[in-house]
Amino acid sequence: MKTVATIFFIFFIGTAASAQDRAETLKVETIEMGIVTETAPIKKMEVKQEVARLYRFKNSRVKKELSFTTKANSPKMA
């Protein structure tokens, strides 16, 4: 009985809610704007000079990078 009453109540509330007169919606005034199709190309004025190195030996770059020295490597006077 309780479930039947609940279903009837929900059905009644749903029907009453859909039967209400809805207020008219106001029309929004739209503005037409043209589309700009002309675009100027952007030129980057950055110039970088890069040097390509040719190494005679295969791992010379790796050996160069691994042979770095730090301040901790330098000898200190006691």
N, C-alpha and C. Protein backbone atom coordinates (compact mmCIF):
# COMPACT_ATOMS: atom_id res chain seq x y z
N MET A 1 0.83 -1.19 0.00
CA MET A 1 0.00 0.00 0.00
C MET A 1 0.88 1.26 0.00
N LYS A 2 1.96 1.19 0.78
CA LYS A 2 2.84 2.35 0.88
C LYS A 2 3.50 2.63 -0.47
N THR A 3 3.93 1.60 -1.18
CA THR A 3 4.58 1.80 -2.47
C THR A 3 3.60 2.34 -3.51
N VAL A 4 2.37 1.87 -3.47
CA VAL A 4 1.36 2.35 -4.41
C VAL A 4 1.08 3.83 -4.14
N ALA A 5 0.98 4.20 -2.88
CA ALA A 5 0.73 5.60 -2.52
C ALA A 5 1.90 6.48 -2.94
N THR A 6 3.13 5.98 -2.78
CA THR A 6 4.32 6.75 -3.16
C THR A 6 4.37 6.95 -4.67
N ILE A 7 4.10 5.90 -5.41
CA ILE A 7 4.11 6.01 -6.87
C ILE A 7 3.01 6.95 -7.34
N PHE A 8 1.82 6.87 -6.74
CA PHE A 8 0.73 7.78 -7.08
C PHE A 8 1.10 9.22 -6.76
N PHE A 9 1.72 9.45 -5.61
CA PHE A 9 2.13 10.80 -5.20
C PHE A 9 3.15 11.37 -6.18
N ILE A 10 4.14 10.57 -6.55
CA ILE A 10 5.17 11.04 -7.49
C ILE A 10 4.55 11.33 -8.85
N PHE A 11 3.65 10.46 -9.30
CA PHE A 11 2.96 10.67 -10.57
C PHE A 11 2.11 11.94 -10.53
N PHE A 12 1.42 12.18 -9.43
CA PHE A 12 0.58 13.37 -9.27
C PHE A 12 1.43 14.64 -9.28
N ILE A 13 2.53 14.64 -8.55
CA ILE A 13 3.41 15.82 -8.50
C ILE A 13 4.01 16.09 -9.88
N GLY A 14 4.43 15.05 -10.60
CA GLY A 14 5.00 15.22 -11.93
C GLY A 14 4.00 15.78 -12.92
N THR A 15 2.76 15.31 -12.85
CA THR A 15 1.71 15.80 -13.74
C THR A 15 1.37 17.25 -13.42
N ALA A 16 1.29 17.58 -12.15
CA ALA A 16 0.97 18.95 -11.75
C ALA A 16 2.08 19.91 -12.15
N ALA A 17 3.31 19.46 -12.07
CA ALA A 17 4.43 20.33 -12.43
C ALA A 17 4.47 20.58 -13.93
N SER A 18 4.14 19.58 -14.73
CA SER A 18 4.18 19.76 -16.18
C SER A 18 2.97 20.54 -16.69
N ALA A 19 1.89 20.63 -15.90
CA ALA A 19 0.68 21.34 -16.32
C ALA A 19 0.74 22.83 -16.03
N GLN A 20 1.75 23.28 -15.35
CA GLN A 20 1.87 24.69 -15.01
C GLN A 20 2.12 25.51 -16.27
N ASP A 21 1.56 26.73 -16.30
CA ASP A 21 1.81 27.64 -17.41
C ASP A 21 3.20 28.23 -17.23
N ARG A 22 3.96 28.10 -18.25
CA ARG A 22 5.32 28.64 -18.17
C ARG A 22 5.31 30.06 -18.69
N ALA A 23 6.10 30.91 -18.07
CA ALA A 23 6.19 32.30 -18.51
C ALA A 23 6.90 32.34 -19.86
N GLU A 24 6.49 33.31 -20.66
CA GLU A 24 7.11 33.45 -21.97
C GLU A 24 8.56 33.89 -21.79
N THR A 25 9.40 33.30 -22.57
CA THR A 25 10.81 33.68 -22.50
C THR A 25 11.02 34.91 -23.37
N LEU A 26 11.80 35.83 -22.86
CA LEU A 26 12.09 37.03 -23.61
C LEU A 26 13.11 36.72 -24.69
N LYS A 27 12.89 37.30 -25.86
CA LYS A 27 13.84 37.08 -26.94
C LYS A 27 15.06 37.97 -26.73
N VAL A 28 16.18 37.39 -26.94
CA VAL A 28 17.43 38.12 -26.77
C VAL A 28 17.79 38.77 -28.10
N GLU A 29 18.16 40.04 -28.03
CA GLU A 29 18.56 40.73 -29.25
C GLU A 29 19.98 40.31 -29.60
N THR A 30 20.14 39.87 -30.82
CA THR A 30 21.46 39.42 -31.26
C THR A 30 22.11 40.49 -32.12
N ILE A 31 23.40 40.50 -32.10
CA ILE A 31 24.17 41.45 -32.90
C ILE A 31 24.96 40.65 -33.92
N GLU A 32 24.85 41.04 -35.17
CA GLU A 32 25.62 40.36 -36.21
C GLU A 32 26.96 41.05 -36.36
N MET A 33 28.00 40.25 -36.34
CA MET A 33 29.34 40.79 -36.52
C MET A 33 29.99 40.07 -37.69
N GLY A 34 30.69 40.82 -38.50
CA GLY A 34 31.35 40.23 -39.65
C GLY A 34 32.60 39.46 -39.24
N ILE A 35 33.01 38.56 -40.11
CA ILE A 35 34.20 37.77 -39.84
C ILE A 35 35.37 38.38 -40.60
N VAL A 36 36.46 38.57 -39.91
CA VAL A 36 37.66 39.11 -40.54
C VAL A 36 38.44 37.95 -41.11
N THR A 37 38.64 37.98 -42.42
CA THR A 37 39.35 36.87 -43.07
C THR A 37 40.79 37.22 -43.41
N GLU A 38 41.16 38.47 -43.35
CA GLU A 38 42.52 38.87 -43.68
C GLU A 38 43.38 38.83 -42.43
N THR A 39 44.42 38.07 -42.49
CA THR A 39 45.36 38.01 -41.38
C THR A 39 46.76 38.24 -41.92
N ALA A 40 47.51 39.03 -41.21
CA ALA A 40 48.89 39.30 -41.61
C ALA A 40 49.79 38.21 -41.06
N PRO A 41 50.68 37.70 -41.88
CA PRO A 41 51.59 36.65 -41.37
C PRO A 41 52.57 37.24 -40.35
N ILE A 42 52.81 36.49 -39.32
CA ILE A 42 53.72 36.93 -38.26
C ILE A 42 55.10 36.38 -38.57
N LYS A 43 56.06 37.28 -38.65
CA LYS A 43 57.43 36.87 -38.96
C LYS A 43 58.26 36.95 -37.70
N LYS A 44 58.96 35.89 -37.43
CA LYS A 44 59.86 35.88 -36.28
C LYS A 44 61.23 36.33 -36.75
N MET A 45 61.78 37.28 -36.04
CA MET A 45 63.06 37.84 -36.43
C MET A 45 64.22 37.24 -35.65
N GLU A 46 63.99 36.10 -35.05
CA GLU A 46 65.04 35.45 -34.27
C GLU A 46 65.99 34.73 -35.21
N VAL A 47 67.25 35.04 -35.08
CA VAL A 47 68.25 34.39 -35.91
C VAL A 47 69.24 33.70 -34.99
N LYS A 48 69.38 32.40 -35.18
CA LYS A 48 70.32 31.65 -34.37
C LYS A 48 71.35 31.03 -35.30
N GLN A 49 72.58 31.17 -34.92
CA GLN A 49 73.64 30.53 -35.69
C GLN A 49 74.07 29.29 -34.93
N GLU A 50 73.89 28.17 -35.56
CA GLU A 50 74.26 26.92 -34.93
C GLU A 50 75.40 26.30 -35.71
N VAL A 51 76.26 25.67 -34.98
CA VAL A 51 77.43 25.05 -35.59
C VAL A 51 77.27 23.54 -35.51
N ALA A 52 77.44 22.89 -36.63
CA ALA A 52 77.41 21.43 -36.66
C ALA A 52 78.84 20.93 -36.62
N ARG A 53 79.11 20.02 -35.72
CA ARG A 53 80.46 19.50 -35.58
C ARG A 53 80.54 18.09 -36.14
N LEU A 54 81.60 17.84 -36.82
CA LEU A 54 81.88 16.50 -37.30
C LEU A 54 82.97 15.91 -36.44
N TYR A 55 82.70 14.79 -35.86
CA TYR A 55 83.69 14.13 -35.02
C TYR A 55 84.26 12.94 -35.76
N ARG A 56 85.52 12.76 -35.55
CA ARG A 56 86.20 11.66 -36.21
C ARG A 56 85.86 10.32 -35.54
N PHE A 57 85.68 10.39 -34.23
CA PHE A 57 85.42 9.17 -33.48
C PHE A 57 83.95 9.13 -33.06
N LYS A 58 83.45 7.96 -32.91
CA LYS A 58 82.02 7.75 -32.69
C LYS A 58 81.51 8.34 -31.38
N ASN A 59 82.19 8.12 -30.28
CA ASN A 59 81.71 8.56 -28.97
C ASN A 59 82.43 9.79 -28.45
N SER A 60 82.94 10.63 -29.32
CA SER A 60 83.72 11.78 -28.86
C SER A 60 82.85 12.78 -28.08
N ARG A 61 81.61 12.93 -28.47
CA ARG A 61 80.73 13.86 -27.75
C ARG A 61 80.45 13.34 -26.34
N VAL A 62 80.22 12.06 -26.21
CA VAL A 62 79.96 11.47 -24.90
C VAL A 62 81.19 11.60 -24.03
N LYS A 63 82.35 11.34 -24.59
CA LYS A 63 83.60 11.45 -23.82
C LYS A 63 83.84 12.89 -23.38
N LYS A 64 83.53 13.84 -24.25
CA LYS A 64 83.70 15.25 -23.90
C LYS A 64 82.78 15.63 -22.75
N GLU A 65 81.53 15.18 -22.80
CA GLU A 65 80.58 15.50 -21.74
C GLU A 65 80.93 14.83 -20.43
N LEU A 66 81.51 13.66 -20.48
CA LEU A 66 81.85 12.94 -19.25
C LEU A 66 83.16 13.42 -18.64
N SER A 67 83.92 14.22 -19.37
CA SER A 67 85.20 14.69 -18.84
C SER A 67 85.09 16.06 -18.19
N PHE A 68 83.94 16.43 -17.70
CA PHE A 68 83.78 17.74 -17.07
C PHE A 68 84.46 17.77 -15.70
N THR A 69 84.76 18.96 -15.23
CA THR A 69 85.37 19.12 -13.91
C THR A 69 84.50 20.06 -13.09
N THR A 70 84.46 19.82 -11.81
CA THR A 70 83.69 20.66 -10.90
C THR A 70 84.63 21.29 -9.89
N LYS A 71 84.11 22.16 -9.06
CA LYS A 71 84.94 22.78 -8.03
C LYS A 71 85.39 21.76 -7.00
N ALA A 72 84.60 20.74 -6.80
CA ALA A 72 84.97 19.70 -5.83
C ALA A 72 86.14 18.87 -6.32
N ASN A 73 86.37 18.83 -7.62
CA ASN A 73 87.47 18.05 -8.17
C ASN A 73 88.81 18.77 -8.03
N SER A 74 88.79 20.08 -7.84
CA SER A 74 90.05 20.83 -7.79
C SER A 74 90.75 20.59 -6.44
N PRO A 75 92.09 20.52 -6.46
CA PRO A 75 92.83 20.27 -5.21
C PRO A 75 92.75 21.48 -4.28
N LYS A 76 92.76 21.20 -3.00
CA LYS A 76 92.69 22.27 -2.00
C LYS A 76 93.94 22.22 -1.13
N MET A 77 94.33 23.38 -0.66
CA MET A 77 95.50 23.45 0.23
C MET A 77 95.03 23.24 1.66
N ALA A 78 95.82 22.51 2.40
CA ALA A 78 95.45 22.24 3.78
C ALA A 78 96.00 23.30 4.70
